[in-house]
Amino acid sequence: MVSFTGVPKIESVATNNLLQLNRAIQRVRIEMSPENERRLAMGEDPLPKEVDPSGYTGIWDSMWTTIEDILAKEPEGTRRAIVLLSDGDDTSSTIKRQNVIDFALKSDVA
């Protein structure tokens, strides 16, 4: 399980342990810096992602991290899939969508 408020963060490695997965889900929070919270409350734009990535959605970066750091390390023949839950579109990834798709196909990830 990988959360991605600002930057990808591994919350749990691949597991069938439902208690471990539930604990990982419970840890996920929408994290935003106090400055970005203040800016949004005042109707201002948040700080640029290069200055403060909190609150941005890096879907493609997080999918790359999931494949590279978790799924690609699973034994050959293991079924690999990503289930993506997000509240919005990608707003901050540095990795391009097509690169992630190509990497997923190469890594046998659905």
C-alpha atoms as a PDB file:
ATOM      1  CA  MET A   1       0.000   0.000   0.000  1.00  0.00           C
ATOM      2  CA  VAL A   2       1.371   3.382  -1.049  1.00  0.00           C
ATOM      3  CA  SER A   3      -0.084   6.749  -0.069  1.00  0.00           C
ATOM      4  CA  PHE A   4       0.683   9.795  -2.169  1.00  0.00           C
ATOM      5  CA  THR A   5      -0.188  13.107  -0.606  1.00  0.00           C
ATOM      6  CA  GLY A   6       2.689  15.137  -1.968  1.00  0.00           C
ATOM      7  CA  VAL A   7       5.184  12.306  -2.394  1.00  0.00           C
ATOM      8  CA  PRO A   8       4.762   8.517  -2.518  1.00  0.00           C
ATOM      9  CA  LYS A   9       5.074   6.818   0.876  1.00  0.00           C
ATOM     10  CA  ILE A  10       5.079   3.040   1.354  1.00  0.00           C
ATOM     11  CA  GLU A  11       2.549   2.282   4.098  1.00  0.00           C
ATOM     12  CA  SER A  12       2.732  -1.525   3.776  1.00  0.00           C
ATOM     13  CA  VAL A  13       4.517  -4.102   1.669  1.00  0.00           C
ATOM     14  CA  ALA A  14       2.506  -6.696  -0.262  1.00  0.00           C
ATOM     15  CA  THR A  15       0.727  -8.958   2.227  1.00  0.00           C
ATOM     16  CA  ASN A  16      -2.330 -11.123   2.789  1.00  0.00           C
ATOM     17  CA  ASN A  17      -2.421  -9.993   6.427  1.00  0.00           C
ATOM     18  CA  LEU A  18      -5.707  -8.084   6.686  1.00  0.00           C
ATOM     19  CA  LEU A  19      -4.818  -6.602  10.082  1.00  0.00           C
ATOM     20  CA  GLN A  20      -1.579  -5.156   8.663  1.00  0.00           C
ATOM     21  CA  LEU A  21      -3.431  -3.754   5.650  1.00  0.00           C
ATOM     22  CA  ASN A  22      -6.150  -2.254   7.841  1.00  0.00           C
ATOM     23  CA  ARG A  23      -3.533  -0.554  10.015  1.00  0.00           C
ATOM     24  CA  ALA A  24      -1.854   0.854   6.898  1.00  0.00           C
ATOM     25  CA  ILE A  25      -5.185   2.212   5.649  1.00  0.00           C
ATOM     26  CA  GLN A  26      -5.856   3.828   9.030  1.00  0.00           C
ATOM     27  CA  ARG A  27      -2.498   5.673   8.848  1.00  0.00           C
ATOM     28  CA  VAL A  28      -3.309   7.397   5.556  1.00  0.00           C
ATOM     29  CA  ARG A  29      -4.071  11.076   5.971  1.00  0.00           C
ATOM     30  CA  ILE A  30      -4.441  13.993   3.623  1.00  0.00           C
ATOM     31  CA  GLU A  31      -1.416  15.950   4.701  1.00  0.00           C
ATOM     32  CA  MET A  32      -1.056  19.599   3.912  1.00  0.00           C
ATOM     33  CA  SER A  33       1.407  22.062   5.361  1.00  0.00           C
ATOM     34  CA  PRO A  34       0.029  24.863   7.528  1.00  0.00           C
ATOM     35  CA  GLU A  35       1.092  27.381   4.875  1.00  0.00           C
ATOM     36  CA  ASN A  36      -0.816  25.602   2.104  1.00  0.00           C
ATOM     37  CA  GLU A  37      -3.846  25.230   4.393  1.00  0.00           C
ATOM     38  CA  ARG A  38      -3.731  28.974   5.074  1.00  0.00           C
ATOM     39  CA  ARG A  39      -3.369  29.799   1.395  1.00  0.00           C
ATOM     40  CA  LEU A  40      -6.301  27.625   0.369  1.00  0.00           C
ATOM     41  CA  ALA A  41      -8.473  29.036   3.178  1.00  0.00           C
ATOM     42  CA  MET A  42      -7.712  32.545   1.869  1.00  0.00           C
ATOM     43  CA  GLY A  43      -8.582  31.533  -1.699  1.00  0.00           C
ATOM     44  CA  GLU A  44      -4.942  31.661  -2.799  1.00  0.00           C
ATOM     45  CA  ASP A  45      -3.038  29.102  -4.840  1.00  0.00           C
ATOM     46  CA  PRO A  46      -0.931  26.627  -2.850  1.00  0.00           C
ATOM     47  CA  LEU A  47       2.835  26.912  -2.918  1.00  0.00           C
ATOM     48  CA  PRO A  48       4.416  25.381  -6.043  1.00  0.00           C
ATOM     49  CA  LYS A  49       4.985  21.639  -5.701  1.00  0.00           C
ATOM     50  CA  GLU A  50       8.761  22.159  -5.947  1.00  0.00           C
ATOM     51  CA  VAL A  51       8.615  24.283  -2.787  1.00  0.00           C
ATOM     52  CA  ASP A  52       5.948  22.327  -0.866  1.00  0.00           C
ATOM     53  CA  PRO A  53       4.524  19.110  -2.366  1.00  0.00           C
ATOM     54  CA  SER A  54       1.923  18.627   0.383  1.00  0.00           C
ATOM     55  CA  GLY A  55      -1.615  18.476  -0.909  1.00  0.00           C
ATOM     56  CA  TYR A  56      -0.606  17.611  -4.461  1.00  0.00           C
ATOM     57  CA  THR A  57      -1.584  14.297  -6.067  1.00  0.00           C
ATOM     58  CA  GLY A  58       1.293  12.327  -7.594  1.00  0.00           C
ATOM     59  CA  ILE A  59      -0.563   9.345  -9.033  1.00  0.00           C
ATOM     60  CA  TRP A  60       2.015   8.314 -11.641  1.00  0.00           C
ATOM     61  CA  ASP A  61       4.956   8.739  -9.266  1.00  0.00           C
ATOM     62  CA  SER A  62       3.171   6.581  -6.677  1.00  0.00           C
ATOM     63  CA  MET A  63       2.330   3.888  -9.208  1.00  0.00           C
ATOM     64  CA  TRP A  64       5.988   3.791 -10.309  1.00  0.00           C
ATOM     65  CA  THR A  65       7.043   3.450  -6.645  1.00  0.00           C
ATOM     66  CA  THR A  66       4.497   0.657  -6.132  1.00  0.00           C
ATOM     67  CA  ILE A  67       5.814  -1.303  -9.106  1.00  0.00           C
ATOM     68  CA  GLU A  68       9.505  -0.691  -8.484  1.00  0.00           C
ATOM     69  CA  ASP A  69       9.662  -0.984  -4.691  1.00  0.00           C
ATOM     70  CA  ILE A  70       6.939  -3.547  -3.984  1.00  0.00           C
ATOM     71  CA  LEU A  71       5.489  -5.519  -6.891  1.00  0.00           C
ATOM     72  CA  ALA A  72       8.660  -6.069  -8.933  1.00  0.00           C
ATOM     73  CA  LYS A  73      10.245  -7.705  -5.878  1.00  0.00           C
ATOM     74  CA  GLU A  74       7.541 -10.365  -5.653  1.00  0.00           C
ATOM     75  CA  PRO A  75       8.529 -13.866  -6.842  1.00  0.00           C
ATOM     76  CA  GLU A  76       8.158 -14.702 -10.536  1.00  0.00           C
ATOM     77  CA  GLY A  77       4.681 -16.014 -11.315  1.00  0.00           C
ATOM     78  CA  THR A  78       3.055 -13.936  -8.566  1.00  0.00           C
ATOM     79  CA  ARG A  79      -0.087 -12.131  -9.688  1.00  0.00           C
ATOM     80  CA  ARG A  80       0.557  -8.395  -9.566  1.00  0.00           C
ATOM     81  CA  ALA A  81      -2.063  -5.666  -9.692  1.00  0.00           C
ATOM     82  CA  ILE A  82      -2.569  -2.083  -8.584  1.00  0.00           C
ATOM     83  CA  VAL A  83      -5.870  -0.824  -7.217  1.00  0.00           C
ATOM     84  CA  LEU A  84      -5.832   2.961  -7.315  1.00  0.00           C
ATOM     85  CA  LEU A  85      -7.999   5.053  -4.998  1.00  0.00           C
ATOM     86  CA  SER A  86      -7.686   8.798  -5.414  1.00  0.00           C
ATOM     87  CA  ASP A  87      -9.666  11.966  -4.821  1.00  0.00           C
ATOM     88  CA  GLY A  88      -8.540  13.617  -8.013  1.00  0.00           C
ATOM     89  CA  ASP A  89      -6.345  13.871 -11.052  1.00  0.00           C
ATOM     90  CA  ASP A  90      -2.585  13.771 -11.053  1.00  0.00           C
ATOM     91  CA  THR A  91      -1.243  17.235 -10.247  1.00  0.00           C
ATOM     92  CA  SER A  92       2.419  16.686  -9.443  1.00  0.00           C
ATOM     93  CA  SER A  93       4.048  13.584 -10.924  1.00  0.00           C
ATOM     94  CA  THR A  94       7.457  13.883 -12.497  1.00  0.00           C
ATOM     95  CA  ILE A  95       7.067  10.503 -14.195  1.00  0.00           C
ATOM     96  CA  LYS A  96       4.863  10.458 -17.294  1.00  0.00           C
ATOM     97  CA  ARG A  97       1.755   8.262 -17.515  1.00  0.00           C
ATOM     98  CA  GLN A  98       2.952   6.342 -20.569  1.00  0.00           C
ATOM     99  CA  ASN A  99       6.263   5.537 -18.867  1.00  0.00           C
ATOM    100  CA  VAL A 100       4.351   4.027 -15.928  1.00  0.00           C
ATOM    101  CA  ILE A 101       2.110   2.030 -18.267  1.00  0.00           C
ATOM    102  CA  ASP A 102       5.159   0.685 -20.132  1.00  0.00           C
ATOM    103  CA  PHE A 103       6.876  -0.189 -16.829  1.00  0.00           C
ATOM    104  CA  ALA A 104       3.738  -1.954 -15.566  1.00  0.00           C
ATOM    105  CA  LEU A 105       3.470  -4.031 -18.737  1.00  0.00           C
ATOM    106  CA  LYS A 106       7.170  -4.912 -18.594  1.00  0.00           C
ATOM    107  CA  SER A 107       6.764  -5.898 -14.921  1.00  0.00           C
ATOM    108  CA  ASP A 108       3.591  -7.943 -15.567  1.00  0.00           C
ATOM    109  CA  VAL A 109       1.419  -5.664 -13.413  1.00  0.00           C
ATOM    110  CA  ALA A 110      -2.284  -5.246 -14.155  1.00  0.00           C
END
